[in-house]
Amino acid sequence: MEFIKDIFQYFIERKKWWLMPIILIFLILGTLLLLAPGGVVAPFIYSLF
């Protein structure tokens, strides 16, 4: 929990708000990979790249 607090403090102090969408996309993709079986998510990830 301290890590998340430090990240938000960094965003506030350095005004790096443009990093927030990138981090959110990584979090969404990470949860998709963890929650879904590997064979189901793979075609969607391949189409992104």
PDB file of N, CA and C in Angstrom:
ATOM      1  N   MET A   1       0.821  -1.193   0.000  1.00  0.00           N
ATOM      2  CA  MET A   1       0.000   0.000   0.000  1.00  0.00           C
ATOM      3  C   MET A   1       0.868   1.261   0.000  1.00  0.00           C
ATOM      4  N   GLU A   2       2.008   1.191   0.610  1.00  0.00           N
ATOM      5  CA  GLU A   2       2.930   2.334   0.651  1.00  0.00           C
ATOM      6  C   GLU A   2       3.451   2.668  -0.744  1.00  0.00           C
ATOM      7  N   PHE A   3       3.638   1.645  -1.573  1.00  0.00           N
ATOM      8  CA  PHE A   3       4.130   1.843  -2.931  1.00  0.00           C
ATOM      9  C   PHE A   3       3.138   2.671  -3.755  1.00  0.00           C
ATOM     10  N   ILE A   4       1.860   2.369  -3.644  1.00  0.00           N
ATOM     11  CA  ILE A   4       0.833   3.118  -4.376  1.00  0.00           C
ATOM     12  C   ILE A   4       0.778   4.563  -3.900  1.00  0.00           C
ATOM     13  N   LYS A   5       0.910   4.752  -2.613  1.00  0.00           N
ATOM     14  CA  LYS A   5       0.925   6.106  -2.054  1.00  0.00           C
ATOM     15  C   LYS A   5       2.120   6.898  -2.579  1.00  0.00           C
ATOM     16  N   ASP A   6       3.278   6.255  -2.666  1.00  0.00           N
ATOM     17  CA  ASP A   6       4.476   6.920  -3.192  1.00  0.00           C
ATOM     18  C   ASP A   6       4.317   7.286  -4.669  1.00  0.00           C
ATOM     19  N   ILE A   7       3.673   6.415  -5.430  1.00  0.00           N
ATOM     20  CA  ILE A   7       3.463   6.704  -6.850  1.00  0.00           C
ATOM     21  C   ILE A   7       2.579   7.934  -7.018  1.00  0.00           C
ATOM     22  N   PHE A   8       1.495   8.026  -6.258  1.00  0.00           N
ATOM     23  CA  PHE A   8       0.619   9.188  -6.370  1.00  0.00           C
ATOM     24  C   PHE A   8       1.307  10.461  -5.898  1.00  0.00           C
ATOM     25  N   GLN A   9       2.136  10.364  -4.890  1.00  0.00           N
ATOM     26  CA  GLN A   9       2.895  11.539  -4.460  1.00  0.00           C
ATOM     27  C   GLN A   9       3.869  11.985  -5.552  1.00  0.00           C
ATOM     28  N   TYR A  10       4.463  11.037  -6.241  1.00  0.00           N
ATOM     29  CA  TYR A  10       5.360  11.360  -7.354  1.00  0.00           C
ATOM     30  C   TYR A  10       4.607  12.098  -8.448  1.00  0.00           C
ATOM     31  N   PHE A  11       3.401  11.595  -8.798  1.00  0.00           N
ATOM     32  CA  PHE A  11       2.604  12.254  -9.833  1.00  0.00           C
ATOM     33  C   PHE A  11       2.254  13.679  -9.437  1.00  0.00           C
ATOM     34  N   ILE A  12       1.918  13.886  -8.185  1.00  0.00           N
ATOM     35  CA  ILE A  12       1.519  15.207  -7.720  1.00  0.00           C
ATOM     36  C   ILE A  12       2.710  16.159  -7.703  1.00  0.00           C
ATOM     37  N   GLU A  13       3.842  15.710  -7.192  1.00  0.00           N
ATOM     38  CA  GLU A  13       5.008  16.589  -7.072  1.00  0.00           C
ATOM     39  C   GLU A  13       5.652  16.900  -8.420  1.00  0.00           C
ATOM     40  N   ARG A  14       5.787  15.901  -9.266  1.00  0.00           N
ATOM     41  CA  ARG A  14       6.496  16.084 -10.542  1.00  0.00           C
ATOM     42  C   ARG A  14       5.584  16.466 -11.701  1.00  0.00           C
ATOM     43  N   LYS A  15       4.266  16.418 -11.466  1.00  0.00           N
ATOM     44  CA  LYS A  15       3.263  16.723 -12.495  1.00  0.00           C
ATOM     45  C   LYS A  15       3.450  15.847 -13.739  1.00  0.00           C
ATOM     46  N   LYS A  16       3.574  14.572 -13.515  1.00  0.00           N
ATOM     47  CA  LYS A  16       3.739  13.601 -14.599  1.00  0.00           C
ATOM     48  C   LYS A  16       2.412  12.874 -14.856  1.00  0.00           C
ATOM     49  N   TRP A  17       1.345  13.621 -15.072  1.00  0.00           N
ATOM     50  CA  TRP A  17       0.022  13.025 -15.242  1.00  0.00           C
ATOM     51  C   TRP A  17      -0.105  12.244 -16.540  1.00  0.00           C
ATOM     52  N   TRP A  18       0.777  12.484 -17.504  1.00  0.00           N
ATOM     53  CA  TRP A  18       0.696  11.760 -18.761  1.00  0.00           C
ATOM     54  C   TRP A  18       1.073  10.284 -18.595  1.00  0.00           C
ATOM     55  N   LEU A  19       1.720   9.935 -17.480  1.00  0.00           N
ATOM     56  CA  LEU A  19       2.063   8.533 -17.220  1.00  0.00           C
ATOM     57  C   LEU A  19       0.875   7.708 -16.723  1.00  0.00           C
ATOM     58  N   MET A  20      -0.152   8.372 -16.211  1.00  0.00           N
ATOM     59  CA  MET A  20      -1.289   7.659 -15.626  1.00  0.00           C
ATOM     60  C   MET A  20      -2.003   6.737 -16.627  1.00  0.00           C
ATOM     61  N   PRO A  21      -2.311   7.157 -17.861  1.00  0.00           N
ATOM     62  CA  PRO A  21      -2.967   6.221 -18.792  1.00  0.00           C
ATOM     63  C   PRO A  21      -2.105   5.005 -19.122  1.00  0.00           C
ATOM     64  N   ILE A  22      -0.791   5.197 -19.207  1.00  0.00           N
ATOM     65  CA  ILE A  22       0.104   4.081 -19.510  1.00  0.00           C
ATOM     66  C   ILE A  22       0.067   3.059 -18.382  1.00  0.00           C
ATOM     67  N   ILE A  23       0.113   3.526 -17.160  1.00  0.00           N
ATOM     68  CA  ILE A  23       0.074   2.627 -16.003  1.00  0.00           C
ATOM     69  C   ILE A  23      -1.265   1.912 -15.913  1.00  0.00           C
ATOM     70  N   LEU A  24      -2.353   2.624 -16.198  1.00  0.00           N
ATOM     71  CA  LEU A  24      -3.673   1.993 -16.163  1.00  0.00           C
ATOM     72  C   LEU A  24      -3.806   0.903 -17.226  1.00  0.00           C
ATOM     73  N   ILE A  25      -3.268   1.132 -18.408  1.00  0.00           N
ATOM     74  CA  ILE A  25      -3.318   0.113 -19.457  1.00  0.00           C
ATOM     75  C   ILE A  25      -2.517  -1.119 -19.048  1.00  0.00           C
ATOM     76  N   PHE A  26      -1.335  -0.900 -18.459  1.00  0.00           N
ATOM     77  CA  PHE A  26      -0.541  -2.040 -17.987  1.00  0.00           C
ATOM     78  C   PHE A  26      -1.269  -2.814 -16.896  1.00  0.00           C
ATOM     79  N   LEU A  27      -1.938  -2.120 -15.996  1.00  0.00           N
ATOM     80  CA  LEU A  27      -2.688  -2.797 -14.938  1.00  0.00           C
ATOM     81  C   LEU A  27      -3.859  -3.599 -15.497  1.00  0.00           C
ATOM     82  N   ILE A  28      -4.563  -3.044 -16.468  1.00  0.00           N
ATOM     83  CA  ILE A  28      -5.691  -3.758 -17.071  1.00  0.00           C
ATOM     84  C   ILE A  28      -5.210  -5.002 -17.811  1.00  0.00           C
ATOM     85  N   LEU A  29      -4.141  -4.866 -18.597  1.00  0.00           N
ATOM     86  CA  LEU A  29      -3.599  -6.029 -19.301  1.00  0.00           C
ATOM     87  C   LEU A  29      -3.072  -7.087 -18.338  1.00  0.00           C
ATOM     88  N   GLY A  30      -2.448  -6.640 -17.253  1.00  0.00           N
ATOM     89  CA  GLY A  30      -1.939  -7.586 -16.259  1.00  0.00           C
ATOM     90  C   GLY A  30      -3.046  -8.366 -15.583  1.00  0.00           C
ATOM     91  N   THR A  31      -4.131  -7.695 -15.230  1.00  0.00           N
ATOM     92  CA  THR A  31      -5.244  -8.412 -14.598  1.00  0.00           C
ATOM     93  C   THR A  31      -5.925  -9.353 -15.578  1.00  0.00           C
ATOM     94  N   LEU A  32      -5.994  -8.961 -16.861  1.00  0.00           N
ATOM     95  CA  LEU A  32      -6.547  -9.873 -17.859  1.00  0.00           C
ATOM     96  C   LEU A  32      -5.718 -11.142 -17.971  1.00  0.00           C
ATOM     97  N   LEU A  33      -4.400 -10.984 -17.962  1.00  0.00           N
ATOM     98  CA  LEU A  33      -3.532 -12.157 -18.074  1.00  0.00           C
ATOM     99  C   LEU A  33      -3.613 -13.046 -16.840  1.00  0.00           C
ATOM    100  N   LEU A  34      -3.800 -12.448 -15.674  1.00  0.00           N
ATOM    101  CA  LEU A  34      -3.866 -13.249 -14.457  1.00  0.00           C
ATOM    102  C   LEU A  34      -5.206 -13.946 -14.275  1.00  0.00           C
ATOM    103  N   LEU A  35      -6.280 -13.283 -14.641  1.00  0.00           N
ATOM    104  CA  LEU A  35      -7.608 -13.819 -14.374  1.00  0.00           C
ATOM    105  C   LEU A  35      -8.119 -14.774 -15.445  1.00  0.00           C
ATOM    106  N   ALA A  36      -7.730 -14.581 -16.673  1.00  0.00           N
ATOM    107  CA  ALA A  36      -8.232 -15.410 -17.765  1.00  0.00           C
ATOM    108  C   ALA A  36      -7.235 -16.515 -18.090  1.00  0.00           C
ATOM    109  N   PRO A  37      -7.737 -17.617 -18.565  1.00  0.00           N
ATOM    110  CA  PRO A  37      -6.818 -18.667 -19.041  1.00  0.00           C
ATOM    111  C   PRO A  37      -6.004 -18.164 -20.229  1.00  0.00           C
ATOM    112  N   GLY A  38      -4.806 -18.660 -20.373  1.00  0.00           N
ATOM    113  CA  GLY A  38      -3.890 -18.156 -21.382  1.00  0.00           C
ATOM    114  C   GLY A  38      -4.390 -18.240 -22.811  1.00  0.00           C
ATOM    115  N   GLY A  39      -5.113 -19.280 -23.159  1.00  0.00           N
ATOM    116  CA  GLY A  39      -5.575 -19.451 -24.528  1.00  0.00           C
ATOM    117  C   GLY A  39      -6.667 -18.489 -24.933  1.00  0.00           C
ATOM    118  N   VAL A  40      -7.423 -17.982 -23.980  1.00  0.00           N
ATOM    119  CA  VAL A  40      -8.553 -17.113 -24.309  1.00  0.00           C
ATOM    120  C   VAL A  40      -8.098 -15.692 -24.598  1.00  0.00           C
ATOM    121  N   VAL A  41      -7.126 -15.201 -23.866  1.00  0.00           N
ATOM    122  CA  VAL A  41      -6.703 -13.809 -23.979  1.00  0.00           C
ATOM    123  C   VAL A  41      -5.681 -13.613 -25.093  1.00  0.00           C
ATOM    124  N   ALA A  42      -4.962 -14.631 -25.462  1.00  0.00           N
ATOM    125  CA  ALA A  42      -3.855 -14.509 -26.413  1.00  0.00           C
ATOM    126  C   ALA A  42      -4.256 -13.880 -27.749  1.00  0.00           C
ATOM    127  N   PRO A  43      -5.359 -14.273 -28.394  1.00  0.00           N
ATOM    128  CA  PRO A  43      -5.684 -13.639 -29.687  1.00  0.00           C
ATOM    129  C   PRO A  43      -5.922 -12.136 -29.579  1.00  0.00           C
ATOM    130  N   PHE A  44      -6.477 -11.672 -28.475  1.00  0.00           N
ATOM    131  CA  PHE A  44      -6.729 -10.247 -28.320  1.00  0.00           C
ATOM    132  C   PHE A  44      -5.435  -9.470 -28.112  1.00  0.00           C
ATOM    133  N   ILE A  45      -4.498 -10.038 -27.386  1.00  0.00           N
ATOM    134  CA  ILE A  45      -3.228  -9.362 -27.155  1.00  0.00           C
ATOM    135  C   ILE A  45      -2.410  -9.330 -28.439  1.00  0.00           C
ATOM    136  N   TYR A  46      -2.452 -10.408 -29.228  1.00  0.00           N
ATOM    137  CA  TYR A  46      -1.706 -10.428 -30.470  1.00  0.00           C
ATOM    138  C   TYR A  46      -2.244  -9.383 -31.437  1.00  0.00           C
ATOM    139  N   SER A  47      -3.549  -9.138 -31.421  1.00  0.00           N
ATOM    140  CA  SER A  47      -4.115  -8.161 -32.351  1.00  0.00           C
ATOM    141  C   SER A  47      -3.726  -6.728 -31.951  1.00  0.00           C
ATOM    142  N   LEU A  48      -3.367  -6.494 -30.690  1.00  0.00           N
ATOM    143  CA  LEU A  48      -2.949  -5.157 -30.274  1.00  0.00           C
ATOM    144  C   LEU A  48      -1.585  -4.783 -30.825  1.00  0.00           C
ATOM    145  N   PHE A  49      -0.714  -5.773 -30.988  1.00  0.00           N
ATOM    146  CA  PHE A  49       0.635  -5.493 -31.446  1.00  0.00           C
ATOM    147  C   PHE A  49       0.801  -5.959 -32.863  1.00  0.00           C
TER     148      PHE A  49
END
